[in-house]
Amino acid sequence: MDTIPWAPRFTWEERFKYGVIPARLYLWRLLRKHWRKGEAELRVLPQIVPPGRAAIDVGANKGVYTHYLSRLATHVHAFEPNPKMHMLLCRTLPRNATAYTCALSDDNDGTAELIVPVYGGVFSNVGASLNPRMKNRNHGTVSVPTRTLDSFNFTNVGFLKIDVEGFEKTVLRGAAGLIARERPVILVEMEEGHTGEPIEESHAFMAQFDMDGFFVREGKLLPLSAFDPETDHRQKVRKPGYVNNFIFKPR
């Protein structure tokens, strides 16, 4: 008899919510909520996503970015290895999107432990990662296949979004060939609390890709030279004005 792989459980509240509310209605409410109160970067996507090219969403979760990108890109490749979140992503996947269950890394055709954090006795719907630092808290693990982004040989890629809770550098190393060939705009989360390294080191890592850095403040796209690590990042963790998403454009 085949063993059914472990996956994060749905709570009774979630079972009721996803069973009673039609999927399209739930999606509409989710997108509306994130547009109003979610990440500021969503509202600048029309300015930074090149038209007529494909986009890649690494760490797609329920698909908020996937859906907004589907309106701007020719096709969206969405990666979400958490079995629970992948199921929700696929419920309302846009017609011009493809969902992948593997985790992206710099290791091709391997396996790894996806670490799913637990808060208040409940498996979180956000925060799952291959980042070993996540094991410092209560968690569960899911064995997932790993591949490099380069191994997919995607072409005509104009935009790459990465949000994998501190594992971003490893994903980028596995995408170095694609980045050099396609020269996409990159939206990437960088956070000292996840990586354990100064934010300046994360920015310096991006120098190898020959790109100019930006971030969003009050709805405006500002150059990285205007970013202050102390006042914009370290002193405002999860508070208004906190910056942990950065945009890199090819020169």
Protein backbone atom coordinates (compact mmCIF):
# COMPACT_ATOMS: atom_id res chain seq x y z
CA MET A 1 0.00 0.00 0.00
CA ASP A 2 1.34 3.42 -0.93
CA THR A 3 2.02 5.82 1.94
CA ILE A 4 0.15 9.10 1.67
CA PRO A 5 2.66 11.96 2.15
CA TRP A 6 2.06 14.19 5.18
CA ALA A 7 0.68 17.62 4.43
CA PRO A 8 -0.33 20.56 6.65
CA ARG A 9 -3.91 20.08 7.81
CA PHE A 10 -6.86 22.34 7.12
CA THR A 11 -8.53 23.69 10.25
CA TRP A 12 -12.26 23.23 10.73
CA GLU A 13 -12.71 26.94 10.04
CA GLU A 14 -10.83 26.59 6.76
CA ARG A 15 -12.82 23.51 5.76
CA PHE A 16 -16.02 25.47 6.29
CA LYS A 17 -14.72 28.60 4.53
CA TYR A 18 -13.38 26.82 1.47
CA GLY A 19 -16.37 24.48 1.33
CA VAL A 20 -19.10 27.13 1.61
CA ILE A 21 -17.67 30.19 -0.14
CA PRO A 22 -17.43 29.70 -3.94
CA ALA A 23 -13.80 29.62 -5.04
CA ARG A 24 -14.14 32.61 -7.39
CA LEU A 25 -15.83 34.71 -4.73
CA TYR A 26 -13.15 33.83 -2.21
CA LEU A 27 -10.47 34.78 -4.75
CA TRP A 28 -12.15 38.12 -5.50
CA ARG A 29 -12.25 38.97 -1.80
CA LEU A 30 -8.63 37.85 -1.33
CA LEU A 31 -7.33 39.96 -4.22
CA ARG A 32 -9.35 42.97 -3.10
CA LYS A 33 -8.01 42.66 0.45
CA HIS A 34 -4.39 42.45 -0.69
CA TRP A 35 -4.78 45.32 -3.14
CA ARG A 36 -6.06 47.56 -0.35
CA LYS A 37 -3.97 46.37 2.61
CA GLY A 38 -1.30 44.04 1.24
CA GLU A 39 2.19 44.63 -0.06
CA ALA A 40 2.74 48.01 -1.68
CA GLU A 41 4.67 46.31 -4.50
CA LEU A 42 1.42 44.90 -5.91
CA ARG A 43 0.30 48.37 -6.92
CA VAL A 44 3.49 49.17 -8.83
CA LEU A 45 3.48 45.95 -10.86
CA PRO A 46 2.09 47.75 -13.96
CA GLN A 47 5.19 49.97 -13.85
CA ILE A 48 7.76 47.20 -13.54
CA VAL A 49 6.38 44.13 -15.37
CA PRO A 50 7.54 44.22 -19.02
CA PRO A 51 4.59 43.64 -21.41
CA GLY A 52 4.59 40.80 -23.90
CA ARG A 53 6.78 38.52 -21.78
CA ALA A 54 6.30 35.72 -19.26
CA ALA A 55 6.54 36.06 -15.47
CA ILE A 56 7.68 33.67 -12.72
CA ASP A 57 6.20 33.61 -9.22
CA VAL A 58 8.42 31.72 -6.75
CA GLY A 59 6.59 31.20 -3.47
CA ALA A 60 3.14 31.68 -4.98
CA ASN A 61 1.14 30.65 -1.89
CA LYS A 62 -2.59 31.18 -2.65
CA GLY A 63 -1.79 33.00 -5.87
CA VAL A 64 -2.24 36.71 -5.17
CA TYR A 65 0.82 37.74 -7.19
CA THR A 66 0.10 35.02 -9.76
CA HIS A 67 -3.30 36.53 -10.52
CA TYR A 68 -2.11 40.11 -10.74
CA LEU A 69 0.84 39.04 -12.90
CA SER A 70 -1.51 37.08 -15.18
CA ARG A 71 -3.09 40.40 -16.18
CA LEU A 72 0.27 41.84 -17.22
CA ALA A 73 2.30 38.90 -18.54
CA THR A 74 1.74 36.48 -21.40
CA HIS A 75 2.09 33.51 -19.03
CA VAL A 76 2.86 32.98 -15.34
CA HIS A 77 4.91 30.07 -13.98
CA ALA A 78 3.88 29.71 -10.31
CA PHE A 79 5.94 27.63 -7.88
CA GLU A 80 4.40 26.50 -4.57
CA PRO A 81 5.72 23.33 -2.91
CA ASN A 82 3.51 23.42 0.22
CA PRO A 83 0.84 20.76 -0.64
CA LYS A 84 -1.90 22.64 1.19
CA MET A 85 -1.20 25.99 -0.44
CA HIS A 86 -0.63 24.38 -3.84
CA MET A 87 -4.13 22.93 -3.63
CA LEU A 88 -5.60 26.37 -2.95
CA LEU A 89 -3.48 27.93 -5.69
CA CYS A 90 -4.82 25.47 -8.24
CA ARG A 91 -8.47 26.04 -7.28
CA THR A 92 -8.55 29.32 -9.20
CA LEU A 93 -5.40 29.24 -11.31
CA PRO A 94 -5.57 31.75 -14.20
CA ARG A 95 -5.85 30.27 -17.68
CA ASN A 96 -2.47 31.69 -18.64
CA ALA A 97 -0.67 30.22 -15.60
CA THR A 98 1.00 26.91 -14.78
CA ALA A 99 1.52 25.67 -11.21
CA TYR A 100 4.53 23.61 -10.12
CA THR A 101 4.83 21.61 -6.88
CA CYS A 102 8.62 21.44 -6.67
CA ALA A 103 10.73 23.75 -4.53
CA LEU A 104 13.34 25.85 -6.27
CA SER A 105 16.94 25.66 -5.08
CA ASP A 106 20.47 25.42 -6.49
CA ASP A 107 20.18 21.62 -6.37
CA ASN A 108 18.67 19.98 -9.44
CA ASP A 109 16.61 16.77 -9.21
CA GLY A 110 17.09 16.44 -5.44
CA THR A 111 14.82 16.45 -2.40
CA ALA A 112 14.64 18.67 0.65
CA GLU A 113 12.60 19.29 3.79
CA LEU A 114 10.04 22.03 3.44
CA ILE A 115 9.70 23.52 6.92
CA VAL A 116 6.16 24.59 7.80
CA PRO A 117 5.97 26.78 10.95
CA VAL A 118 3.37 26.22 13.66
CA TYR A 119 1.78 29.11 15.55
CA GLY A 120 -0.67 28.51 18.37
CA GLY A 121 -0.84 24.83 17.55
CA VAL A 122 -1.90 25.51 13.95
CA PHE A 123 0.24 25.08 10.82
CA SER A 124 0.77 28.50 9.26
CA ASN A 125 -0.37 29.17 5.70
CA VAL A 126 2.61 31.47 5.21
CA GLY A 127 6.28 31.14 6.04
CA ALA A 128 7.05 27.65 4.72
CA SER A 129 10.64 27.48 3.47
CA LEU A 130 13.71 25.35 2.82
CA ASN A 131 15.63 27.80 5.00
CA PRO A 132 17.13 25.68 7.83
CA ARG A 133 16.87 28.65 10.23
CA MET A 134 13.12 28.02 10.28
CA LYS A 135 13.74 24.89 12.38
CA ASN A 136 14.41 27.10 15.39
CA ARG A 137 10.66 27.30 15.97
CA ASN A 138 7.83 24.78 16.26
CA HIS A 139 7.29 23.25 12.83
CA GLY A 140 6.40 20.30 10.66
CA THR A 141 8.29 19.10 7.58
CA VAL A 142 7.28 17.94 4.12
CA SER A 143 9.68 16.14 1.79
CA VAL A 144 9.58 17.96 -1.56
CA PRO A 145 11.49 17.61 -4.84
CA THR A 146 13.93 20.38 -5.69
CA ARG A 147 15.01 21.79 -9.02
CA THR A 148 16.87 24.81 -10.26
CA LEU A 149 14.97 27.46 -12.15
CA ASP A 150 17.58 27.16 -14.88
CA SER A 151 16.61 23.52 -15.46
CA PHE A 152 13.19 24.56 -16.83
CA ASN A 153 14.75 26.48 -19.75
CA PHE A 154 12.01 29.12 -19.68
CA THR A 155 12.28 31.73 -22.43
CA ASN A 156 10.94 35.25 -22.97
CA VAL A 157 10.88 35.85 -19.20
CA GLY A 158 10.50 39.50 -18.25
CA PHE A 159 9.70 39.32 -14.54
CA LEU A 160 10.79 37.16 -11.60
CA LYS A 161 9.28 37.41 -8.11
CA ILE A 162 10.86 35.47 -5.23
CA ASP A 163 9.48 35.22 -1.70
CA VAL A 164 10.76 32.10 0.07
CA GLU A 165 11.41 33.24 3.65
CA GLY A 166 15.18 33.64 3.63
CA PHE A 167 16.04 31.08 0.94
CA GLU A 168 16.13 33.67 -1.84
CA LYS A 169 19.89 33.58 -2.45
CA THR A 170 19.83 29.85 -3.10
CA VAL A 171 16.95 30.24 -5.56
CA LEU A 172 18.84 33.03 -7.32
CA ARG A 173 21.99 30.91 -7.61
CA GLY A 174 19.89 28.24 -9.32
CA ALA A 175 18.52 30.88 -11.69
CA ALA A 176 21.79 32.59 -12.65
CA GLY A 177 21.66 31.31 -16.23
CA LEU A 178 18.08 32.47 -16.76
CA ILE A 179 18.84 35.89 -15.29
CA ALA A 180 21.91 36.34 -17.48
CA ARG A 181 20.03 35.23 -20.61
CA GLU A 182 16.59 36.79 -20.12
CA ARG A 183 17.49 39.88 -18.03
CA PRO A 184 14.17 39.98 -16.14
CA VAL A 185 13.09 42.55 -13.60
CA ILE A 186 13.41 40.88 -10.17
CA LEU A 187 11.19 41.49 -7.16
CA VAL A 188 12.75 39.72 -4.18
CA GLU A 189 12.12 39.64 -0.46
CA MET A 190 15.23 40.31 1.64
CA GLU A 191 14.87 40.26 5.39
CA GLU A 192 17.51 40.09 8.11
CA GLY A 193 15.14 38.20 10.40
CA HIS A 194 14.97 35.36 7.88
CA THR A 195 18.52 35.26 6.52
CA GLY A 196 20.45 36.07 9.70
CA GLU A 197 22.77 38.34 7.73
CA PRO A 198 22.90 42.16 7.37
CA ILE A 199 20.58 43.50 4.70
CA GLU A 200 23.61 45.19 3.12
CA GLU A 201 25.07 41.76 2.33
CA SER A 202 21.87 40.70 0.60
CA HIS A 203 21.97 43.83 -1.55
CA ALA A 204 25.65 43.26 -2.35
CA PHE A 205 24.82 39.74 -3.52
CA MET A 206 22.70 41.24 -6.31
CA ALA A 207 25.68 43.14 -7.74
CA GLN A 208 26.67 40.05 -9.75
CA PHE A 209 23.54 40.44 -11.88
CA ASP A 210 24.43 43.99 -13.05
CA MET A 211 21.15 45.56 -11.99
CA ASP A 212 19.95 48.79 -10.38
CA GLY A 213 18.05 48.42 -7.11
CA PHE A 214 14.79 50.09 -6.05
CA PHE A 215 12.17 49.91 -3.32
CA VAL A 216 8.67 51.26 -2.76
CA ARG A 217 7.87 54.02 -0.31
CA GLU A 218 4.45 55.67 -0.14
CA GLY A 219 3.55 54.24 -3.53
CA LYS A 220 6.66 55.58 -5.24
CA LEU A 221 9.56 53.63 -6.72
CA LEU A 222 12.78 54.97 -5.19
CA PRO A 223 16.42 54.10 -5.92
CA LEU A 224 18.21 51.86 -3.44
CA SER A 225 20.49 54.78 -2.57
CA ALA A 226 17.51 56.28 -0.70
CA PHE A 227 17.12 53.18 1.48
CA ASP A 228 18.41 53.44 5.06
CA PRO A 229 19.01 49.99 6.61
CA GLU A 230 18.54 51.31 10.14
CA THR A 231 15.39 53.40 9.80
CA ASP A 232 13.72 51.48 6.93
CA HIS A 233 14.51 47.93 8.05
CA ARG A 234 16.09 47.26 11.44
CA GLN A 235 14.09 49.69 13.57
CA LYS A 236 10.73 49.07 11.91
CA VAL A 237 10.40 45.30 11.83
CA ARG A 238 6.78 44.61 10.82
CA LYS A 239 5.79 48.21 11.48
CA PRO A 240 4.56 50.94 9.09
CA GLY A 241 7.40 51.98 6.79
CA TYR A 242 9.21 48.65 7.09
CA VAL A 243 10.87 47.66 3.81
CA ASN A 244 11.70 44.03 3.02
CA ASN A 245 10.91 43.81 -0.71
CA PHE A 246 13.34 45.09 -3.31
CA ILE A 247 13.16 45.53 -7.07
CA PHE A 248 16.13 45.08 -9.36
CA LYS A 249 16.05 46.25 -12.96
CA PRO A 250 18.61 45.26 -15.59
CA ARG A 251 20.85 48.10 -16.71
